[in-house]
Amino acid sequence: MLGPAENQDLFKRCFAALAIGGRIVVQDFILKSDKTAPCRAALFALNWLVVTRNGNNYSADEYSIWLGGAGFQDIRHVLLSGSTDLIIGSKC
């Protein structure tokens, strides 16, 4: 439900709060790079356009850029069997 700048700020604060060796795990409807799939994630993005000022659904690439910019390393996209996936980063 946050915009890009708000996500980047949140991830920076999470990084600062974590101990070395800690991890961040984000569960969300992760879009493909072209933001047209998977269908449920693309449709849910429309919901954010209606109910939030800046919210959207984002791609794994966007999450990786924000998490890397916050200082996280070993960032990976974990596919789940349902509609949502995980993005995981470590504070090394």
PDB file of N, CA and C in Angstrom:
ATOM      1  N   MET A   1       0.811  -1.201   0.000  1.00  0.00           N
ATOM      2  CA  MET A   1       0.000   0.000   0.000  1.00  0.00           C
ATOM      3  C   MET A   1       0.852   1.262   0.000  1.00  0.00           C
ATOM      4  N   LEU A   2       2.179   1.089  -0.017  1.00  0.00           N
ATOM      5  CA  LEU A   2       3.095   2.230  -0.009  1.00  0.00           C
ATOM      6  C   LEU A   2       3.633   2.506  -1.402  1.00  0.00           C
ATOM      7  N   GLY A   3       4.061   3.737  -1.616  1.00  0.00           N
ATOM      8  CA  GLY A   3       4.703   4.103  -2.865  1.00  0.00           C
ATOM      9  C   GLY A   3       6.186   3.763  -2.833  1.00  0.00           C
ATOM     10  N   PRO A   4       6.866   3.902  -3.963  1.00  0.00           N
ATOM     11  CA  PRO A   4       8.282   3.550  -4.048  1.00  0.00           C
ATOM     12  C   PRO A   4       9.168   4.248  -3.009  1.00  0.00           C
ATOM     13  N   ALA A   5       9.026   5.538  -2.841  1.00  0.00           N
ATOM     14  CA  ALA A   5       9.864   6.263  -1.874  1.00  0.00           C
ATOM     15  C   ALA A   5       9.578   5.798  -0.446  1.00  0.00           C
ATOM     16  N   GLU A   6       8.317   5.541  -0.153  1.00  0.00           N
ATOM     17  CA  GLU A   6       7.944   5.064   1.177  1.00  0.00           C
ATOM     18  C   GLU A   6       8.501   3.659   1.431  1.00  0.00           C
ATOM     19  N   ASN A   7       8.467   2.804   0.407  1.00  0.00           N
ATOM     20  CA  ASN A   7       9.043   1.456   0.550  1.00  0.00           C
ATOM     21  C   ASN A   7      10.542   1.542   0.811  1.00  0.00           C
ATOM     22  N   GLN A   8      11.232   2.381   0.056  1.00  0.00           N
ATOM     23  CA  GLN A   8      12.679   2.524   0.244  1.00  0.00           C
ATOM     24  C   GLN A   8      12.987   2.997   1.665  1.00  0.00           C
ATOM     25  N   ASP A   9      12.236   3.963   2.150  1.00  0.00           N
ATOM     26  CA  ASP A   9      12.434   4.457   3.513  1.00  0.00           C
ATOM     27  C   ASP A   9      12.161   3.358   4.542  1.00  0.00           C
ATOM     28  N   LEU A  10      11.097   2.613   4.363  1.00  0.00           N
ATOM     29  CA  LEU A  10      10.767   1.523   5.279  1.00  0.00           C
ATOM     30  C   LEU A  10      11.884   0.485   5.322  1.00  0.00           C
ATOM     31  N   PHE A  11      12.413   0.112   4.162  1.00  0.00           N
ATOM     32  CA  PHE A  11      13.475  -0.895   4.120  1.00  0.00           C
ATOM     33  C   PHE A  11      14.762  -0.381   4.760  1.00  0.00           C
ATOM     34  N   LYS A  12      15.045   0.895   4.616  1.00  0.00           N
ATOM     35  CA  LYS A  12      16.224   1.473   5.283  1.00  0.00           C
ATOM     36  C   LYS A  12      16.059   1.411   6.802  1.00  0.00           C
ATOM     37  N   ARG A  13      14.862   1.704   7.284  1.00  0.00           N
ATOM     38  CA  ARG A  13      14.618   1.641   8.726  1.00  0.00           C
ATOM     39  C   ARG A  13      14.673   0.205   9.238  1.00  0.00           C
ATOM     40  N   CYS A  14      14.163  -0.736   8.454  1.00  0.00           N
ATOM     41  CA  CYS A  14      14.246  -2.157   8.835  1.00  0.00           C
ATOM     42  C   CYS A  14      15.704  -2.595   8.910  1.00  0.00           C
ATOM     43  N   PHE A  15      16.502  -2.189   7.927  1.00  0.00           N
ATOM     44  CA  PHE A  15      17.915  -2.554   7.915  1.00  0.00           C
ATOM     45  C   PHE A  15      18.613  -2.021   9.163  1.00  0.00           C
ATOM     46  N   ALA A  16      18.341  -0.776   9.506  1.00  0.00           N
ATOM     47  CA  ALA A  16      18.966  -0.162  10.685  1.00  0.00           C
ATOM     48  C   ALA A  16      18.561  -0.879  11.971  1.00  0.00           C
ATOM     49  N   ALA A  17      17.342  -1.404  12.026  1.00  0.00           N
ATOM     50  CA  ALA A  17      16.844  -2.058  13.229  1.00  0.00           C
ATOM     51  C   ALA A  17      17.334  -3.499  13.392  1.00  0.00           C
ATOM     52  N   LEU A  18      17.758  -4.116  12.301  1.00  0.00           N
ATOM     53  CA  LEU A  18      18.170  -5.524  12.355  1.00  0.00           C
ATOM     54  C   LEU A  18      19.595  -5.698  12.855  1.00  0.00           C
ATOM     55  N   ALA A  19      19.820  -6.781  13.569  1.00  0.00           N
ATOM     56  CA  ALA A  19      21.176  -7.172  13.957  1.00  0.00           C
ATOM     57  C   ALA A  19      21.865  -7.803  12.747  1.00  0.00           C
ATOM     58  N   ILE A  20      23.187  -7.817  12.766  1.00  0.00           N
ATOM     59  CA  ILE A  20      23.937  -8.510  11.727  1.00  0.00           C
ATOM     60  C   ILE A  20      23.464  -9.962  11.677  1.00  0.00           C
ATOM     61  N   GLY A  21      23.231 -10.467  10.497  1.00  0.00           N
ATOM     62  CA  GLY A  21      22.717 -11.826  10.335  1.00  0.00           C
ATOM     63  C   GLY A  21      21.197 -11.890  10.263  1.00  0.00           C
ATOM     64  N   GLY A  22      20.546 -10.760  10.536  1.00  0.00           N
ATOM     65  CA  GLY A  22      19.087 -10.716  10.470  1.00  0.00           C
ATOM     66  C   GLY A  22      18.591 -10.722   9.034  1.00  0.00           C
ATOM     67  N   ARG A  23      17.320 -11.037   8.867  1.00  0.00           N
ATOM     68  CA  ARG A  23      16.721 -11.076   7.538  1.00  0.00           C
ATOM     69  C   ARG A  23      15.413 -10.316   7.507  1.00  0.00           C
ATOM     70  N   ILE A  24      15.126  -9.799   6.337  1.00  0.00           N
ATOM     71  CA  ILE A  24      13.818  -9.212   6.073  1.00  0.00           C
ATOM     72  C   ILE A  24      13.096 -10.163   5.124  1.00  0.00           C
ATOM     73  N   VAL A  25      11.821 -10.380   5.394  1.00  0.00           N
ATOM     74  CA  VAL A  25      10.995 -11.228   4.542  1.00  0.00           C
ATOM     75  C   VAL A  25       9.748 -10.432   4.188  1.00  0.00           C
ATOM     76  N   VAL A  26       9.558 -10.198   2.905  1.00  0.00           N
ATOM     77  CA  VAL A  26       8.392  -9.473   2.409  1.00  0.00           C
ATOM     78  C   VAL A  26       7.510 -10.466   1.667  1.00  0.00           C
ATOM     79  N   GLN A  27       6.257 -10.588   2.082  1.00  0.00           N
ATOM     80  CA  GLN A  27       5.299 -11.434   1.369  1.00  0.00           C
ATOM     81  C   GLN A  27       4.318 -10.514   0.664  1.00  0.00           C
ATOM     82  N   ASP A  28       4.185 -10.707  -0.646  1.00  0.00           N
ATOM     83  CA  ASP A  28       3.339  -9.799  -1.418  1.00  0.00           C
ATOM     84  C   ASP A  28       2.929 -10.474  -2.722  1.00  0.00           C
ATOM     85  N   PHE A  29       2.008  -9.831  -3.428  1.00  0.00           N
ATOM     86  CA  PHE A  29       1.675 -10.210  -4.792  1.00  0.00           C
ATOM     87  C   PHE A  29       2.789  -9.624  -5.665  1.00  0.00           C
ATOM     88  N   ILE A  30       3.736 -10.438  -6.071  1.00  0.00           N
ATOM     89  CA  ILE A  30       4.907  -9.966  -6.816  1.00  0.00           C
ATOM     90  C   ILE A  30       4.621 -10.042  -8.308  1.00  0.00           C
ATOM     91  N   LEU A  31       4.762  -8.917  -8.989  1.00  0.00           N
ATOM     92  CA  LEU A  31       4.523  -8.851 -10.424  1.00  0.00           C
ATOM     93  C   LEU A  31       5.749  -9.260 -11.227  1.00  0.00           C
ATOM     94  N   LYS A  32       5.525  -9.739 -12.433  1.00  0.00           N
ATOM     95  CA  LYS A  32       6.611  -9.949 -13.398  1.00  0.00           C
ATOM     96  C   LYS A  32       7.158  -8.576 -13.782  1.00  0.00           C
ATOM     97  N   SER A  33       8.315  -8.541 -14.413  1.00  0.00           N
ATOM     98  CA  SER A  33       8.967  -7.261 -14.750  1.00  0.00           C
ATOM     99  C   SER A  33       8.091  -6.337 -15.584  1.00  0.00           C
ATOM    100  N   ASP A  34       7.269  -6.895 -16.482  1.00  0.00           N
ATOM    101  CA  ASP A  34       6.414  -6.045 -17.322  1.00  0.00           C
ATOM    102  C   ASP A  34       5.117  -5.629 -16.633  1.00  0.00           C
ATOM    103  N   LYS A  35       4.915  -6.103 -15.403  1.00  0.00           N
ATOM    104  CA  LYS A  35       3.782  -5.743 -14.541  1.00  0.00           C
ATOM    105  C   LYS A  35       2.409  -6.141 -15.091  1.00  0.00           C
ATOM    106  N   THR A  36       2.369  -7.140 -15.957  1.00  0.00           N
ATOM    107  CA  THR A  36       1.089  -7.600 -16.492  1.00  0.00           C
ATOM    108  C   THR A  36       0.685  -8.958 -15.948  1.00  0.00           C
ATOM    109  N   ALA A  37       1.514  -9.590 -15.186  1.00  0.00           N
ATOM    110  CA  ALA A  37       1.244 -10.932 -14.670  1.00  0.00           C
ATOM    111  C   ALA A  37       2.031 -11.117 -13.375  1.00  0.00           C
ATOM    112  N   PRO A  38       1.642 -12.067 -12.555  1.00  0.00           N
ATOM    113  CA  PRO A  38       0.484 -12.934 -12.704  1.00  0.00           C
ATOM    114  C   PRO A  38      -0.819 -12.160 -12.557  1.00  0.00           C
ATOM    115  N   CYS A  39      -1.861 -12.740 -13.057  1.00  0.00           N
ATOM    116  CA  CYS A  39      -3.153 -12.059 -13.141  1.00  0.00           C
ATOM    117  C   CYS A  39      -3.628 -11.514 -11.795  1.00  0.00           C
ATOM    118  N   ARG A  40      -3.581 -12.329 -10.748  1.00  0.00           N
ATOM    119  CA  ARG A  40      -4.082 -11.863  -9.435  1.00  0.00           C
ATOM    120  C   ARG A  40      -3.281 -10.670  -8.922  1.00  0.00           C
ATOM    121  N   ALA A  41      -1.984 -10.687  -9.139  1.00  0.00           N
ATOM    122  CA  ALA A  41      -1.165  -9.558  -8.687  1.00  0.00           C
ATOM    123  C   ALA A  41      -1.495  -8.300  -9.477  1.00  0.00           C
ATOM    124  N   ALA A  42      -1.685  -8.436 -10.780  1.00  0.00           N
ATOM    125  CA  ALA A  42      -2.036  -7.285 -11.619  1.00  0.00           C
ATOM    126  C   ALA A  42      -3.410  -6.727 -11.236  1.00  0.00           C
ATOM    127  N   LEU A  43      -4.357  -7.609 -10.971  1.00  0.00           N
ATOM    128  CA  LEU A  43      -5.690  -7.149 -10.562  1.00  0.00           C
ATOM    129  C   LEU A  43      -5.649  -6.501  -9.188  1.00  0.00           C
ATOM    130  N   PHE A  44      -4.843  -7.052  -8.286  1.00  0.00           N
ATOM    131  CA  PHE A  44      -4.739  -6.461  -6.958  1.00  0.00           C
ATOM    132  C   PHE A  44      -4.100  -5.072  -7.029  1.00  0.00           C
ATOM    133  N   ALA A  45      -3.198  -4.865  -7.993  1.00  0.00           N
ATOM    134  CA  ALA A  45      -2.598  -3.543  -8.183  1.00  0.00           C
ATOM    135  C   ALA A  45      -3.680  -2.506  -8.491  1.00  0.00           C
ATOM    136  N   LEU A  46      -4.696  -2.900  -9.230  1.00  0.00           N
ATOM    137  CA  LEU A  46      -5.811  -1.983  -9.509  1.00  0.00           C
ATOM    138  C   LEU A  46      -6.517  -1.579  -8.221  1.00  0.00           C
ATOM    139  N   ASN A  47      -6.641  -2.506  -7.292  1.00  0.00           N
ATOM    140  CA  ASN A  47      -7.242  -2.202  -5.997  1.00  0.00           C
ATOM    141  C   ASN A  47      -6.479  -1.089  -5.292  1.00  0.00           C
ATOM    142  N   TRP A  48      -5.144  -1.169  -5.312  1.00  0.00           N
ATOM    143  CA  TRP A  48      -4.334  -0.132  -4.656  1.00  0.00           C
ATOM    144  C   TRP A  48      -4.536   1.227  -5.310  1.00  0.00           C
ATOM    145  N   LEU A  49      -4.748   1.245  -6.612  1.00  0.00           N
ATOM    146  CA  LEU A  49      -4.986   2.520  -7.302  1.00  0.00           C
ATOM    147  C   LEU A  49      -6.262   3.191  -6.812  1.00  0.00           C
ATOM    148  N   VAL A  50      -7.229   2.381  -6.415  1.00  0.00           N
ATOM    149  CA  VAL A  50      -8.519   2.900  -5.966  1.00  0.00           C
ATOM    150  C   VAL A  50      -8.492   3.319  -4.501  1.00  0.00           C
ATOM    151  N   VAL A  51      -7.804   2.556  -3.647  1.00  0.00           N
ATOM    152  CA  VAL A  51      -7.938   2.768  -2.208  1.00  0.00           C
ATOM    153  C   VAL A  51      -6.742   3.434  -1.528  1.00  0.00           C
ATOM    154  N   THR A  52      -5.655   3.702  -2.258  1.00  0.00           N
ATOM    155  CA  THR A  52      -4.496   4.360  -1.653  1.00  0.00           C
ATOM    156  C   THR A  52      -4.019   5.513  -2.516  1.00  0.00           C
ATOM    157  N   ARG A  53      -3.218   6.373  -1.916  1.00  0.00           N
ATOM    158  CA  ARG A  53      -2.656   7.502  -2.653  1.00  0.00           C
ATOM    159  C   ARG A  53      -1.487   7.061  -3.533  1.00  0.00           C
ATOM    160  N   ASN A  54      -0.611   6.201  -3.007  1.00  0.00           N
ATOM    161  CA  ASN A  54       0.610   5.827  -3.710  1.00  0.00           C
ATOM    162  C   ASN A  54       0.792   4.335  -3.912  1.00  0.00           C
ATOM    163  N   GLY A  55      -0.113   3.537  -3.393  1.00  0.00           N
ATOM    164  CA  GLY A  55       0.087   2.100  -3.382  1.00  0.00           C
ATOM    165  C   GLY A  55       0.063   1.451  -4.753  1.00  0.00           C
ATOM    166  N   ASN A  56       0.709   0.295  -4.835  1.00  0.00           N
ATOM    167  CA  ASN A  56       0.792  -0.469  -6.072  1.00  0.00           C
ATOM    168  C   ASN A  56       1.320  -1.843  -5.712  1.00  0.00           C
ATOM    169  N   ASN A  57       1.357  -2.730  -6.661  1.00  0.00           N
ATOM    170  CA  ASN A  57       2.101  -3.976  -6.525  1.00  0.00           C
ATOM    171  C   ASN A  57       3.374  -3.816  -7.335  1.00  0.00           C
ATOM    172  N   TYR A  58       4.421  -4.505  -6.925  1.00  0.00           N
ATOM    173  CA  TYR A  58       5.737  -4.264  -7.498  1.00  0.00           C
ATOM    174  C   TYR A  58       6.382  -5.554  -7.970  1.00  0.00           C
ATOM    175  N   SER A  59       7.369  -5.402  -8.813  1.00  0.00           N
ATOM    176  CA  SER A  59       8.095  -6.549  -9.349  1.00  0.00           C
ATOM    177  C   SER A  59       9.238  -6.945  -8.408  1.00  0.00           C
ATOM    178  N   ALA A  60       9.741  -8.155  -8.603  1.00  0.00           N
ATOM    179  CA  ALA A  60      10.894  -8.620  -7.837  1.00  0.00           C
ATOM    180  C   ALA A  60      12.090  -7.708  -8.084  1.00  0.00           C
ATOM    181  N   ASP A  61      12.230  -7.202  -9.302  1.00  0.00           N
ATOM    182  CA  ASP A  61      13.332  -6.287  -9.620  1.00  0.00           C
ATOM    183  C   ASP A  61      13.246  -5.011  -8.784  1.00  0.00           C
ATOM    184  N   GLU A  62      12.046  -4.461  -8.646  1.00  0.00           N
ATOM    185  CA  GLU A  62      11.879  -3.248  -7.846  1.00  0.00           C
ATOM    186  C   GLU A  62      12.220  -3.510  -6.386  1.00  0.00           C
ATOM    187  N   TYR A  63      11.702  -4.620  -5.843  1.00  0.00           N
ATOM    188  CA  TYR A  63      12.030  -4.954  -4.462  1.00  0.00           C
ATOM    189  C   TYR A  63      13.533  -5.130  -4.283  1.00  0.00           C
ATOM    190  N   SER A  64      14.186  -5.773  -5.234  1.00  0.00           N
ATOM    191  CA  SER A  64      15.635  -5.996  -5.147  1.00  0.00           C
ATOM    192  C   SER A  64      16.398  -4.679  -5.136  1.00  0.00           C
ATOM    193  N   ILE A  65      15.985  -3.735  -5.954  1.00  0.00           N
ATOM    194  CA  ILE A  65      16.637  -2.415  -5.985  1.00  0.00           C
ATOM    195  C   ILE A  65      16.468  -1.707  -4.647  1.00  0.00           C
ATOM    196  N   TRP A  66      15.255  -1.705  -4.116  1.00  0.00           N
ATOM    197  CA  TRP A  66      15.007  -1.022  -2.841  1.00  0.00           C
ATOM    198  C   TRP A  66      15.763  -1.684  -1.696  1.00  0.00           C
ATOM    199  N   LEU A  67      15.714  -3.010  -1.639  1.00  0.00           N
ATOM    200  CA  LEU A  67      16.398  -3.712  -0.553  1.00  0.00           C
ATOM    201  C   LEU A  67      17.910  -3.553  -0.666  1.00  0.00           C
ATOM    202  N   GLY A  68      18.442  -3.647  -1.879  1.00  0.00           N
ATOM    203  CA  GLY A  68      19.875  -3.434  -2.076  1.00  0.00           C
ATOM    204  C   GLY A  68      20.279  -2.020  -1.706  1.00  0.00           C
ATOM    205  N   GLY A  69      19.453  -1.050  -2.051  1.00  0.00           N
ATOM    206  CA  GLY A  69      19.723   0.339  -1.702  1.00  0.00           C
ATOM    207  C   GLY A  69      19.698   0.584  -0.208  1.00  0.00           C
ATOM    208  N   ALA A  70      18.949  -0.241   0.508  1.00  0.00           N
ATOM    209  CA  ALA A  70      18.885  -0.122   1.967  1.00  0.00           C
ATOM    210  C   ALA A  70      20.063  -0.823   2.644  1.00  0.00           C
ATOM    211  N   GLY A  71      20.804  -1.638   1.869  1.00  0.00           N
ATOM    212  CA  GLY A  71      21.959  -2.323   2.428  1.00  0.00           C
ATOM    213  C   GLY A  71      21.838  -3.838   2.500  1.00  0.00           C
ATOM    214  N   PHE A  72      20.666  -4.377   2.173  1.00  0.00           N
ATOM    215  CA  PHE A  72      20.480  -5.821   2.238  1.00  0.00           C
ATOM    216  C   PHE A  72      21.279  -6.517   1.140  1.00  0.00           C
ATOM    217  N   GLN A  73      21.703  -7.743   1.433  1.00  0.00           N
ATOM    218  CA  GLN A  73      22.448  -8.563   0.483  1.00  0.00           C
ATOM    219  C   GLN A  73      21.749  -9.911   0.341  1.00  0.00           C
ATOM    220  N   ASP A  74      22.259 -10.716  -0.577  1.00  0.00           N
ATOM    221  CA  ASP A  74      21.700 -12.058  -0.807  1.00  0.00           C
ATOM    222  C   ASP A  74      20.185 -11.998  -0.995  1.00  0.00           C
ATOM    223  N   ILE A  75      19.729 -11.057  -1.796  1.00  0.00           N
ATOM    224  CA  ILE A  75      18.296 -10.852  -2.016  1.00  0.00           C
ATOM    225  C   ILE A  75      17.798 -11.920  -2.981  1.00  0.00           C
ATOM    226  N   ARG A  76      16.700 -12.566  -2.596  1.00  0.00           N
ATOM    227  CA  ARG A  76      16.164 -13.605  -3.472  1.00  0.00           C
ATOM    228  C   ARG A  76      14.642 -13.582  -3.481  1.00  0.00           C
ATOM    229  N   HIS A  77      14.103 -14.041  -4.587  1.00  0.00           N
ATOM    230  CA  HIS A  77      12.665 -14.145  -4.806  1.00  0.00           C
ATOM    231  C   HIS A  77      12.294 -15.611  -4.637  1.00  0.00           C
ATOM    232  N   VAL A  78      11.417 -15.905  -3.697  1.00  0.00           N
ATOM    233  CA  VAL A  78      10.990 -17.275  -3.419  1.00  0.00           C
ATOM    234  C   VAL A  78       9.546 -17.426  -3.888  1.00  0.00           C
ATOM    235  N   LEU A  79       9.340 -18.317  -4.842  1.00  0.00           N
ATOM    236  CA  LEU A  79       7.999 -18.564  -5.360  1.00  0.00           C
ATOM    237  C   LEU A  79       7.241 -19.470  -4.395  1.00  0.00           C
ATOM    238  N   LEU A  80       6.022 -19.085  -4.082  1.00  0.00           N
ATOM    239  CA  LEU A  80       5.146 -19.890  -3.233  1.00  0.00           C
ATOM    240  C   LEU A  80       4.061 -20.526  -4.098  1.00  0.00           C
ATOM    241  N   SER A  81       3.350 -21.478  -3.560  1.00  0.00           N
ATOM    242  CA  SER A  81       2.333 -22.180  -4.339  1.00  0.00           C
ATOM    243  C   SER A  81       1.038 -21.391  -4.501  1.00  0.00           C
ATOM    244  N   GLY A  82       0.840 -20.364  -3.699  1.00  0.00           N
ATOM    245  CA  GLY A  82      -0.390 -19.571  -3.778  1.00  0.00           C
ATOM    246  C   GLY A  82      -0.228 -18.342  -4.654  1.00  0.00           C
ATOM    247  N   SER A  83      -0.939 -17.300  -4.315  1.00  0.00           N
ATOM    248  CA  SER A  83      -0.938 -16.066  -5.105  1.00  0.00           C
ATOM    249  C   SER A  83       0.198 -15.122  -4.739  1.00  0.00           C
ATOM    250  N   THR A  84       0.786 -15.309  -3.570  1.00  0.00           N
ATOM    251  CA  THR A  84       1.848 -14.410  -3.129  1.00  0.00           C
ATOM    252  C   THR A  84       3.198 -15.131  -3.150  1.00  0.00           C
ATOM    253  N   ASP A  85       4.248 -14.341  -3.163  1.00  0.00           N
ATOM    254  CA  ASP A  85       5.617 -14.842  -3.120  1.00  0.00           C
ATOM    255  C   ASP A  85       6.362 -14.122  -2.007  1.00  0.00           C
ATOM    256  N   LEU A  86       7.614 -14.508  -1.802  1.00  0.00           N
ATOM    257  CA  LEU A  86       8.476 -13.876  -0.805  1.00  0.00           C
ATOM    258  C   LEU A  86       9.660 -13.210  -1.487  1.00  0.00           C
ATOM    259  N   ILE A  87      10.100 -12.104  -0.917  1.00  0.00           N
ATOM    260  CA  ILE A  87      11.383 -11.481  -1.247  1.00  0.00           C
ATOM    261  C   ILE A  87      12.146 -11.483   0.081  1.00  0.00           C
ATOM    262  N   ILE A  88      13.346 -12.054   0.075  1.00  0.00           N
ATOM    263  CA  ILE A  88      14.133 -12.189   1.295  1.00  0.00           C
ATOM    264  C   ILE A  88      15.491 -11.517   1.093  1.00  0.00           C
ATOM    265  N   GLY A  89      15.906 -10.752   2.078  1.00  0.00           N
ATOM    266  CA  GLY A  89      17.227 -10.127   2.065  1.00  0.00           C
ATOM    267  C   GLY A  89      17.879 -10.296   3.413  1.00  0.00           C
ATOM    268  N   SER A  90      19.214 -10.276   3.420  1.00  0.00           N
ATOM    269  CA  SER A  90      19.980 -10.479   4.661  1.00  0.00           C
ATOM    270  C   SER A  90      20.834  -9.260   4.986  1.00  0.00           C
ATOM    271  N   LYS A  91      21.004  -9.035   6.272  1.00  0.00           N
ATOM    272  CA  LYS A  91      21.940  -8.017   6.730  1.00  0.00           C
ATOM    273  C   LYS A  91      23.223  -8.750   7.124  1.00  0.00           C
ATOM    274  N   CYS A  92      24.209  -8.664   6.271  1.00  0.00           N
ATOM    275  CA  CYS A  92      25.474  -9.397   6.482  1.00  0.00           C
ATOM    276  C   CYS A  92      26.454  -8.568   7.280  1.00  0.00           C
TER     277      CYS A  92
END
